[in-house]
């Protein structure tokens, strides 16, 4: 797939994710749980690769914050999860590992990175593992939906070629 098609697909996923952020979220304390972001991270990571996944996560986080539907915690959670999902899929060629990367990257690492952000930028005293339940539940829900959706996509022979294009195996030249 050429870079223009990849950019277009990234823009479409970004737009759909941003649109759904205004009505599909669950407020949990300081953070807003948004499983559609994790679904988009896994889809972009598997179909386009880690770089496009990070770009999509960054763009959605910026737009959501500008629109008032997101929080500052969207940045580390979504971007770390997208990176880990993309890298794990790229090197293992397994959708399950991409979903696991999203859950670990967002649910565990991203939630721990949010602790100093809450202290520095918001001046709020929060527990070190305070974001862990909300981020883990959200990323697990989004990654589960992505896993099911990607398994359905694999039944289509054309999409199957796109999914495996970004792994280290079966690269198109």
C-alpha atoms as a PDB file:
ATOM      1  CA  UNK A   1       0.000   0.000   0.000  1.00  0.00           C
ATOM      2  CA  UNK A   2       1.459   3.370  -0.946  1.00  0.00           C
ATOM      3  CA  UNK A   3       1.919   6.188   1.547  1.00  0.00           C
ATOM      4  CA  UNK A   4      -1.001   8.260   0.252  1.00  0.00           C
ATOM      5  CA  UNK A   5      -3.417   5.388   0.868  1.00  0.00           C
ATOM      6  CA  UNK A   6      -1.912   4.847   4.329  1.00  0.00           C
ATOM      7  CA  UNK A   7      -2.270   8.542   5.176  1.00  0.00           C
ATOM      8  CA  UNK A   8      -5.858   8.542   3.912  1.00  0.00           C
ATOM      9  CA  UNK A   9      -6.758   5.482   5.961  1.00  0.00           C
ATOM     10  CA  UNK A  10      -5.091   7.014   9.022  1.00  0.00           C
ATOM     11  CA  UNK A  11      -7.099  10.214   8.511  1.00  0.00           C
ATOM     12  CA  UNK A  12     -10.360   8.257   8.196  1.00  0.00           C
ATOM     13  CA  UNK A  13      -9.677   6.240  11.362  1.00  0.00           C
ATOM     14  CA  UNK A  14      -8.721   9.474  13.148  1.00  0.00           C
ATOM     15  CA  UNK A  15     -11.947  11.166  12.042  1.00  0.00           C
ATOM     16  CA  UNK A  16     -14.171   8.245  13.067  1.00  0.00           C
ATOM     17  CA  UNK A  17     -12.429   7.922  16.410  1.00  0.00           C
ATOM     18  CA  UNK A  18     -12.746  11.645  17.083  1.00  0.00           C
ATOM     19  CA  UNK A  19     -16.422  11.692  16.106  1.00  0.00           C
ATOM     20  CA  UNK A  20     -17.302   8.825  18.409  1.00  0.00           C
ATOM     21  CA  UNK A  21     -15.428  10.410  21.332  1.00  0.00           C
ATOM     22  CA  UNK A  22     -18.245  12.877  21.919  1.00  0.00           C
ATOM     23  CA  UNK A  23     -20.810  10.199  22.774  1.00  0.00           C
ATOM     24  CA  UNK A  24     -18.947   6.948  23.562  1.00  0.00           C
ATOM     25  CA  UNK A  25     -17.028   7.481  26.799  1.00  0.00           C
ATOM     26  CA  UNK A  26     -17.290   6.624  30.473  1.00  0.00           C
ATOM     27  CA  UNK A  27     -16.079   9.230  33.004  1.00  0.00           C
ATOM     28  CA  UNK A  28     -13.971   7.649  35.763  1.00  0.00           C
ATOM     29  CA  UNK A  29     -12.416  10.197  38.083  1.00  0.00           C
ATOM     30  CA  UNK A  30      -9.947  12.451  36.277  1.00  0.00           C
ATOM     31  CA  UNK A  31      -9.856  10.274  33.160  1.00  0.00           C
ATOM     32  CA  UNK A  32     -12.460   9.551  30.500  1.00  0.00           C
ATOM     33  CA  UNK A  33     -12.546   5.887  29.523  1.00  0.00           C
ATOM     34  CA  UNK A  34     -12.746   5.651  25.733  1.00  0.00           C
ATOM     35  CA  UNK A  35     -12.560   2.066  24.373  1.00  0.00           C
ATOM     36  CA  UNK A  36     -12.969   3.216  20.755  1.00  0.00           C
ATOM     37  CA  UNK A  37      -9.487   4.778  20.961  1.00  0.00           C
ATOM     38  CA  UNK A  38      -7.993   1.395  21.808  1.00  0.00           C
ATOM     39  CA  UNK A  39      -9.939  -0.259  19.013  1.00  0.00           C
ATOM     40  CA  UNK A  40      -8.543   2.343  16.598  1.00  0.00           C
ATOM     41  CA  UNK A  41      -5.008   1.902  17.969  1.00  0.00           C
ATOM     42  CA  UNK A  42      -5.028  -1.844  17.331  1.00  0.00           C
ATOM     43  CA  UNK A  43      -6.636  -1.510  13.897  1.00  0.00           C
ATOM     44  CA  UNK A  44      -4.135   1.135  12.804  1.00  0.00           C
ATOM     45  CA  UNK A  45      -1.183  -0.742  14.290  1.00  0.00           C
ATOM     46  CA  UNK A  46      -2.098  -3.976  12.514  1.00  0.00           C
ATOM     47  CA  UNK A  47      -3.179  -2.533   9.167  1.00  0.00           C
ATOM     48  CA  UNK A  48      -0.680   0.333   8.817  1.00  0.00           C
ATOM     49  CA  UNK A  49       2.178  -0.162  11.264  1.00  0.00           C
ATOM     50  CA  UNK A  50       3.482   1.451  14.456  1.00  0.00           C
ATOM     51  CA  UNK A  51       4.324   4.875  12.995  1.00  0.00           C
ATOM     52  CA  UNK A  52       0.846   5.448  11.630  1.00  0.00           C
ATOM     53  CA  UNK A  53      -0.690   4.121  14.852  1.00  0.00           C
ATOM     54  CA  UNK A  54       1.243   6.643  16.934  1.00  0.00           C
ATOM     55  CA  UNK A  55       0.315   9.453  14.541  1.00  0.00           C
ATOM     56  CA  UNK A  56      -3.372   8.486  14.716  1.00  0.00           C
ATOM     57  CA  UNK A  57      -3.279   8.312  18.527  1.00  0.00           C
ATOM     58  CA  UNK A  58      -1.561  11.714  18.745  1.00  0.00           C
ATOM     59  CA  UNK A  59      -4.007  13.371  16.348  1.00  0.00           C
ATOM     60  CA  UNK A  60      -7.061  11.977  18.108  1.00  0.00           C
ATOM     61  CA  UNK A  61      -5.692  13.070  21.494  1.00  0.00           C
ATOM     62  CA  UNK A  62      -5.022  16.595  20.229  1.00  0.00           C
ATOM     63  CA  UNK A  63      -8.451  16.950  18.597  1.00  0.00           C
ATOM     64  CA  UNK A  64     -10.272  15.483  21.612  1.00  0.00           C
ATOM     65  CA  UNK A  65      -8.491  17.881  23.963  1.00  0.00           C
ATOM     66  CA  UNK A  66      -9.236  20.849  21.709  1.00  0.00           C
ATOM     67  CA  UNK A  67     -12.911  19.826  21.528  1.00  0.00           C
ATOM     68  CA  UNK A  68     -13.159  19.291  25.273  1.00  0.00           C
ATOM     69  CA  UNK A  69     -14.012  15.590  25.036  1.00  0.00           C
ATOM     70  CA  UNK A  70     -10.625  14.326  26.193  1.00  0.00           C
ATOM     71  CA  UNK A  71      -8.143  14.816  28.972  1.00  0.00           C
ATOM     72  CA  UNK A  72      -4.399  15.288  29.098  1.00  0.00           C
ATOM     73  CA  UNK A  73      -4.112  11.633  30.082  1.00  0.00           C
ATOM     74  CA  UNK A  74      -5.141  10.604  26.554  1.00  0.00           C
ATOM     75  CA  UNK A  75      -1.659  11.373  25.248  1.00  0.00           C
ATOM     76  CA  UNK A  76       0.556   8.913  27.143  1.00  0.00           C
ATOM     77  CA  UNK A  77      -2.042   6.157  27.319  1.00  0.00           C
ATOM     78  CA  UNK A  78      -3.022   6.058  23.686  1.00  0.00           C
ATOM     79  CA  UNK A  79       0.418   6.669  22.204  1.00  0.00           C
ATOM     80  CA  UNK A  80       2.286   4.109  24.311  1.00  0.00           C
ATOM     81  CA  UNK A  81      -0.420   1.517  23.648  1.00  0.00           C
ATOM     82  CA  UNK A  82      -0.358   2.206  19.900  1.00  0.00           C
ATOM     83  CA  UNK A  83       3.427   1.912  19.794  1.00  0.00           C
ATOM     84  CA  UNK A  84       3.524  -1.358  21.695  1.00  0.00           C
ATOM     85  CA  UNK A  85       0.637  -2.830  19.673  1.00  0.00           C
ATOM     86  CA  UNK A  86       2.344  -1.891  16.411  1.00  0.00           C
ATOM     87  CA  UNK A  87       5.738  -3.243  17.415  1.00  0.00           C
ATOM     88  CA  UNK A  88       4.391  -6.520  18.761  1.00  0.00           C
ATOM     89  CA  UNK A  89       2.377  -7.130  15.599  1.00  0.00           C
ATOM     90  CA  UNK A  90       5.281  -6.135  13.376  1.00  0.00           C
ATOM     91  CA  UNK A  91       7.642  -8.644  14.987  1.00  0.00           C
ATOM     92  CA  UNK A  92       5.264 -11.506  15.810  1.00  0.00           C
ATOM     93  CA  UNK A  93       2.662 -11.238  13.041  1.00  0.00           C
ATOM     94  CA  UNK A  94      -0.041 -12.185  15.575  1.00  0.00           C
ATOM     95  CA  UNK A  95      -3.178 -10.111  16.173  1.00  0.00           C
ATOM     96  CA  UNK A  96      -3.406 -11.400  19.738  1.00  0.00           C
ATOM     97  CA  UNK A  97      -0.004  -9.929  20.544  1.00  0.00           C
ATOM     98  CA  UNK A  98      -1.037  -6.578  19.083  1.00  0.00           C
ATOM     99  CA  UNK A  99      -4.056  -6.564  21.386  1.00  0.00           C
ATOM    100  CA  UNK A 100      -1.877  -7.584  24.314  1.00  0.00           C
ATOM    101  CA  UNK A 101       0.520  -4.767  23.458  1.00  0.00           C
ATOM    102  CA  UNK A 102      -2.350  -2.274  23.562  1.00  0.00           C
ATOM    103  CA  UNK A 103      -3.514  -3.537  26.951  1.00  0.00           C
ATOM    104  CA  UNK A 104      -0.012  -3.542  28.456  1.00  0.00           C
ATOM    105  CA  UNK A 105       1.019  -0.265  26.815  1.00  0.00           C
ATOM    106  CA  UNK A 106      -2.093   1.663  27.771  1.00  0.00           C
ATOM    107  CA  UNK A 107      -3.448  -0.248  30.748  1.00  0.00           C
ATOM    108  CA  UNK A 108      -0.206  -0.614  32.670  1.00  0.00           C
ATOM    109  CA  UNK A 109       2.587   1.577  31.283  1.00  0.00           C
ATOM    110  CA  UNK A 110       0.334   4.457  30.177  1.00  0.00           C
ATOM    111  CA  UNK A 111      -1.508   4.534  33.488  1.00  0.00           C
ATOM    112  CA  UNK A 112       1.772   4.706  35.403  1.00  0.00           C
ATOM    113  CA  UNK A 113       3.039   7.533  33.177  1.00  0.00           C
ATOM    114  CA  UNK A 114      -0.124   9.501  34.017  1.00  0.00           C
ATOM    115  CA  UNK A 115       0.832   9.670  37.706  1.00  0.00           C
ATOM    116  CA  UNK A 116       3.549  12.344  37.325  1.00  0.00           C
ATOM    117  CA  UNK A 117       1.373  14.223  34.815  1.00  0.00           C
ATOM    118  CA  UNK A 118      -1.424  14.450  37.400  1.00  0.00           C
ATOM    119  CA  UNK A 119       1.032  15.739  39.987  1.00  0.00           C
ATOM    120  CA  UNK A 120       2.843  18.249  37.755  1.00  0.00           C
ATOM    121  CA  UNK A 121       0.131  19.659  35.513  1.00  0.00           C
ATOM    122  CA  UNK A 122      -3.028  19.261  37.565  1.00  0.00           C
ATOM    123  CA  UNK A 123      -1.564  19.516  41.051  1.00  0.00           C
ATOM    124  CA  UNK A 124      -3.715  16.572  42.107  1.00  0.00           C
ATOM    125  CA  UNK A 125      -2.560  14.002  44.589  1.00  0.00           C
ATOM    126  CA  UNK A 126      -3.521  10.633  43.157  1.00  0.00           C
ATOM    127  CA  UNK A 127      -2.535   7.100  44.009  1.00  0.00           C
ATOM    128  CA  UNK A 128       0.290   5.633  41.930  1.00  0.00           C
ATOM    129  CA  UNK A 129      -2.001   2.916  40.608  1.00  0.00           C
ATOM    130  CA  UNK A 130      -5.100   5.137  40.541  1.00  0.00           C
ATOM    131  CA  UNK A 131      -5.426   5.143  36.752  1.00  0.00           C
ATOM    132  CA  UNK A 132      -4.685   1.442  36.356  1.00  0.00           C
ATOM    133  CA  UNK A 133      -8.261   0.070  36.686  1.00  0.00           C
ATOM    134  CA  UNK A 134      -9.871   2.592  34.318  1.00  0.00           C
ATOM    135  CA  UNK A 135      -7.117   2.372  31.692  1.00  0.00           C
ATOM    136  CA  UNK A 136      -6.967  -1.432  31.885  1.00  0.00           C
ATOM    137  CA  UNK A 137     -10.715  -1.898  31.521  1.00  0.00           C
ATOM    138  CA  UNK A 138     -10.892   0.558  28.634  1.00  0.00           C
ATOM    139  CA  UNK A 139      -7.933  -0.916  26.752  1.00  0.00           C
ATOM    140  CA  UNK A 140      -9.104  -4.485  27.331  1.00  0.00           C
ATOM    141  CA  UNK A 141     -12.575  -3.669  25.979  1.00  0.00           C
ATOM    142  CA  UNK A 142     -11.220  -1.858  22.903  1.00  0.00           C
ATOM    143  CA  UNK A 143      -8.577  -4.505  22.181  1.00  0.00           C
ATOM    144  CA  UNK A 144     -11.180  -7.276  22.472  1.00  0.00           C
ATOM    145  CA  UNK A 145     -13.442  -5.573  19.948  1.00  0.00           C
ATOM    146  CA  UNK A 146     -10.440  -5.031  17.647  1.00  0.00           C
ATOM    147  CA  UNK A 147      -9.442  -8.695  17.926  1.00  0.00           C
ATOM    148  CA  UNK A 148     -12.917  -9.852  16.880  1.00  0.00           C
ATOM    149  CA  UNK A 149     -13.102  -7.287  14.077  1.00  0.00           C
ATOM    150  CA  UNK A 150      -9.666  -8.200  12.699  1.00  0.00           C
ATOM    151  CA  UNK A 151     -10.512 -11.909  12.763  1.00  0.00           C
ATOM    152  CA  UNK A 152     -13.565 -11.091  10.619  1.00  0.00           C
ATOM    153  CA  UNK A 153     -11.347  -9.010   8.308  1.00  0.00           C
ATOM    154  CA  UNK A 154      -9.037 -12.009   7.846  1.00  0.00           C
ATOM    155  CA  UNK A 155     -11.840 -13.882   6.116  1.00  0.00           C
ATOM    156  CA  UNK A 156     -11.514 -11.383   3.238  1.00  0.00           C
ATOM    157  CA  UNK A 157      -8.503 -12.334   1.091  1.00  0.00           C
ATOM    158  CA  UNK A 158      -7.733  -8.734   0.049  1.00  0.00           C
ATOM    159  CA  UNK A 159      -7.700  -7.446   3.613  1.00  0.00           C
ATOM    160  CA  UNK A 160      -5.636 -10.413   4.732  1.00  0.00           C
ATOM    161  CA  UNK A 161      -2.836  -9.179   2.457  1.00  0.00           C
ATOM    162  CA  UNK A 162      -3.041  -5.702   3.971  1.00  0.00           C
ATOM    163  CA  UNK A 163      -2.875  -7.000   7.528  1.00  0.00           C
ATOM    164  CA  UNK A 164       0.290  -8.960   6.995  1.00  0.00           C
ATOM    165  CA  UNK A 165       1.976  -6.305   4.885  1.00  0.00           C
ATOM    166  CA  UNK A 166       3.258  -4.536   8.002  1.00  0.00           C
ATOM    167  CA  UNK A 167       4.797  -7.562   9.679  1.00  0.00           C
ATOM    168  CA  UNK A 168       8.402  -8.606   9.173  1.00  0.00           C
ATOM    169  CA  UNK A 169       7.147 -11.717   7.373  1.00  0.00           C
ATOM    170  CA  UNK A 170       5.308 -11.714   4.042  1.00  0.00           C
ATOM    171  CA  UNK A 171       6.237  -8.131   3.153  1.00  0.00           C
ATOM    172  CA  UNK A 172       5.233  -6.967  -0.287  1.00  0.00           C
ATOM    173  CA  UNK A 173       8.167  -5.578  -2.220  1.00  0.00           C
END
